[in-house]
Amino acid sequence: MPEWTFITRHAVVLSLIAKHPRITARELGTQIDLTERAIRKIISDLYTAGYIVKQQEGRGLRYTINSELPLRQKSHREIAVGDILKALGLEKLNNR
């Protein structure tokens, strides 16, 4: 039986971006044991939904989190993504 977790891969990526706004897809993949391709898909999902903004900074990117957006689950739409990140101990967010 495969292992399960309480936090989705999307939430893990978002939390790492909150901690390290200039993290690369390769670094994310190494930290959470996913391929760079899978990480880029997650980043694309988060970007398309408006949860993150990408800004070119030098040769890399800086991510900013839109912490006011609600969670996507219908049962939890009253909770902002920033509230979840704060609950994970990420008080200092690079957010809008």
C-alpha atoms as a PDB file:
ATOM      1  CA  MET A   1       0.000   0.000   0.000  1.00  0.00           C
ATOM      2  CA  PRO A   2       1.488   3.379  -0.980  1.00  0.00           C
ATOM      3  CA  GLU A   3       2.226   5.894   1.725  1.00  0.00           C
ATOM      4  CA  TRP A   4      -0.166   8.811   2.100  1.00  0.00           C
ATOM      5  CA  THR A   5       0.357  12.259   3.545  1.00  0.00           C
ATOM      6  CA  PHE A   6      -1.805  14.954   5.067  1.00  0.00           C
ATOM      7  CA  ILE A   7      -0.378  17.649   2.821  1.00  0.00           C
ATOM      8  CA  THR A   8      -0.611  17.489  -0.960  1.00  0.00           C
ATOM      9  CA  ARG A   9       2.391  17.915  -3.216  1.00  0.00           C
ATOM     10  CA  HIS A  10       0.975  21.272  -4.313  1.00  0.00           C
ATOM     11  CA  ALA A  11       0.899  22.453  -0.690  1.00  0.00           C
ATOM     12  CA  VAL A  12       4.429  21.201  -0.087  1.00  0.00           C
ATOM     13  CA  VAL A  13       5.714  23.063  -3.152  1.00  0.00           C
ATOM     14  CA  LEU A  14       3.859  26.208  -2.079  1.00  0.00           C
ATOM     15  CA  SER A  15       5.284  25.964   1.445  1.00  0.00           C
ATOM     16  CA  LEU A  16       8.832  25.588   0.131  1.00  0.00           C
ATOM     17  CA  ILE A  17       8.308  28.555  -2.182  1.00  0.00           C
ATOM     18  CA  ALA A  18       7.105  30.547   0.845  1.00  0.00           C
ATOM     19  CA  LYS A  19      10.336  29.642   2.672  1.00  0.00           C
ATOM     20  CA  HIS A  20      12.611  30.107  -0.335  1.00  0.00           C
ATOM     21  CA  PRO A  21      11.140  32.516  -2.932  1.00  0.00           C
ATOM     22  CA  ARG A  22      14.059  31.986  -5.340  1.00  0.00           C
ATOM     23  CA  ILE A  23      14.078  28.172  -5.187  1.00  0.00           C
ATOM     24  CA  THR A  24      14.445  26.374  -8.504  1.00  0.00           C
ATOM     25  CA  ALA A  25      12.345  23.512  -9.820  1.00  0.00           C
ATOM     26  CA  ARG A  26      15.398  21.275  -9.599  1.00  0.00           C
ATOM     27  CA  GLU A  27      15.939  22.174  -5.929  1.00  0.00           C
ATOM     28  CA  LEU A  28      12.257  21.584  -5.192  1.00  0.00           C
ATOM     29  CA  GLY A  29      12.392  18.195  -6.869  1.00  0.00           C
ATOM     30  CA  THR A  30      15.434  17.180  -4.860  1.00  0.00           C
ATOM     31  CA  GLN A  31      13.816  18.224  -1.575  1.00  0.00           C
ATOM     32  CA  ILE A  32      10.531  16.399  -2.109  1.00  0.00           C
ATOM     33  CA  ASP A  33      11.753  13.545  -4.289  1.00  0.00           C
ATOM     34  CA  LEU A  34       9.851  14.410  -7.462  1.00  0.00           C
ATOM     35  CA  THR A  35      11.095  14.872 -10.995  1.00  0.00           C
ATOM     36  CA  GLU A  36      11.765  18.377 -12.224  1.00  0.00           C
ATOM     37  CA  ARG A  37       9.030  17.825 -14.804  1.00  0.00           C
ATOM     38  CA  ALA A  38       6.465  17.012 -12.080  1.00  0.00           C
ATOM     39  CA  ILE A  39       7.536  20.096 -10.128  1.00  0.00           C
ATOM     40  CA  ARG A  40       7.166  22.315 -13.198  1.00  0.00           C
ATOM     41  CA  LYS A  41       3.616  20.976 -13.655  1.00  0.00           C
ATOM     42  CA  ILE A  42       2.764  21.816 -10.040  1.00  0.00           C
ATOM     43  CA  ILE A  43       4.279  25.294 -10.393  1.00  0.00           C
ATOM     44  CA  SER A  44       2.260  25.772 -13.584  1.00  0.00           C
ATOM     45  CA  ASP A  45      -0.930  24.744 -11.754  1.00  0.00           C
ATOM     46  CA  LEU A  46      -0.217  27.177  -8.907  1.00  0.00           C
ATOM     47  CA  TYR A  47       0.659  29.974 -11.343  1.00  0.00           C
ATOM     48  CA  THR A  48      -2.393  29.421 -13.568  1.00  0.00           C
ATOM     49  CA  ALA A  49      -4.706  29.423 -10.530  1.00  0.00           C
ATOM     50  CA  GLY A  50      -3.126  32.674  -9.302  1.00  0.00           C
ATOM     51  CA  TYR A  51      -1.566  31.293  -6.113  1.00  0.00           C
ATOM     52  CA  ILE A  52       1.925  32.347  -7.183  1.00  0.00           C
ATOM     53  CA  VAL A  53       3.375  35.107  -9.337  1.00  0.00           C
ATOM     54  CA  LYS A  54       6.696  34.706 -11.136  1.00  0.00           C
ATOM     55  CA  GLN A  55       9.091  37.633 -11.468  1.00  0.00           C
ATOM     56  CA  GLN A  56      12.343  37.496 -13.390  1.00  0.00           C
ATOM     57  CA  GLU A  57      15.231  38.328 -11.080  1.00  0.00           C
ATOM     58  CA  GLY A  58      18.652  38.126 -12.616  1.00  0.00           C
ATOM     59  CA  ARG A  59      19.009  34.747 -14.291  1.00  0.00           C
ATOM     60  CA  GLY A  60      16.365  33.136 -12.094  1.00  0.00           C
ATOM     61  CA  LEU A  61      12.852  33.667 -10.837  1.00  0.00           C
ATOM     62  CA  ARG A  62      11.418  35.032  -7.627  1.00  0.00           C
ATOM     63  CA  TYR A  63       8.040  33.681  -6.610  1.00  0.00           C
ATOM     64  CA  THR A  64       5.469  35.708  -4.728  1.00  0.00           C
ATOM     65  CA  ILE A  65       2.499  34.034  -3.058  1.00  0.00           C
ATOM     66  CA  ASN A  66      -1.018  35.438  -3.268  1.00  0.00           C
ATOM     67  CA  SER A  67      -1.864  34.460   0.306  1.00  0.00           C
ATOM     68  CA  GLU A  68      -5.396  35.866   0.191  1.00  0.00           C
ATOM     69  CA  LEU A  69      -6.747  33.289  -2.265  1.00  0.00           C
ATOM     70  CA  PRO A  70      -9.021  30.648  -0.742  1.00  0.00           C
ATOM     71  CA  LEU A  71      -8.309  26.946  -0.667  1.00  0.00           C
ATOM     72  CA  ARG A  72      -9.722  25.050  -3.630  1.00  0.00           C
ATOM     73  CA  GLN A  73     -11.778  22.468  -1.708  1.00  0.00           C
ATOM     74  CA  LYS A  74     -15.444  23.440  -1.607  1.00  0.00           C
ATOM     75  CA  SER A  75     -15.620  22.539   2.083  1.00  0.00           C
ATOM     76  CA  HIS A  76     -12.744  24.904   2.963  1.00  0.00           C
ATOM     77  CA  ARG A  77     -13.194  27.940   0.720  1.00  0.00           C
ATOM     78  CA  GLU A  78     -13.433  30.234   3.764  1.00  0.00           C
ATOM     79  CA  ILE A  79      -9.771  29.513   4.585  1.00  0.00           C
ATOM     80  CA  ALA A  80      -7.077  31.515   2.811  1.00  0.00           C
ATOM     81  CA  VAL A  81      -3.945  29.761   1.584  1.00  0.00           C
ATOM     82  CA  GLY A  82      -1.955  32.175   3.784  1.00  0.00           C
ATOM     83  CA  ASP A  83      -3.720  30.747   6.851  1.00  0.00           C
ATOM     84  CA  ILE A  84      -2.469  27.270   5.974  1.00  0.00           C
ATOM     85  CA  LEU A  85       1.065  28.533   5.449  1.00  0.00           C
ATOM     86  CA  LYS A  86       0.954  30.298   8.820  1.00  0.00           C
ATOM     87  CA  ALA A  87      -0.278  27.092  10.456  1.00  0.00           C
ATOM     88  CA  LEU A  88       2.794  25.376   9.005  1.00  0.00           C
ATOM     89  CA  GLY A  89       4.990  27.929  10.777  1.00  0.00           C
ATOM     90  CA  LEU A  90       5.671  30.126   7.787  1.00  0.00           C
ATOM     91  CA  GLU A  91       4.819  33.448   9.463  1.00  0.00           C
ATOM     92  CA  LYS A  92       7.161  35.471   7.272  1.00  0.00           C
ATOM     93  CA  LEU A  93       5.724  35.120   3.819  1.00  0.00           C
ATOM     94  CA  ASN A  94       6.869  36.710   0.622  1.00  0.00           C
ATOM     95  CA  ASN A  95       3.306  37.504  -0.363  1.00  0.00           C
ATOM     96  CA  ARG A  96       1.066  40.069  -1.947  1.00  0.00           C
END
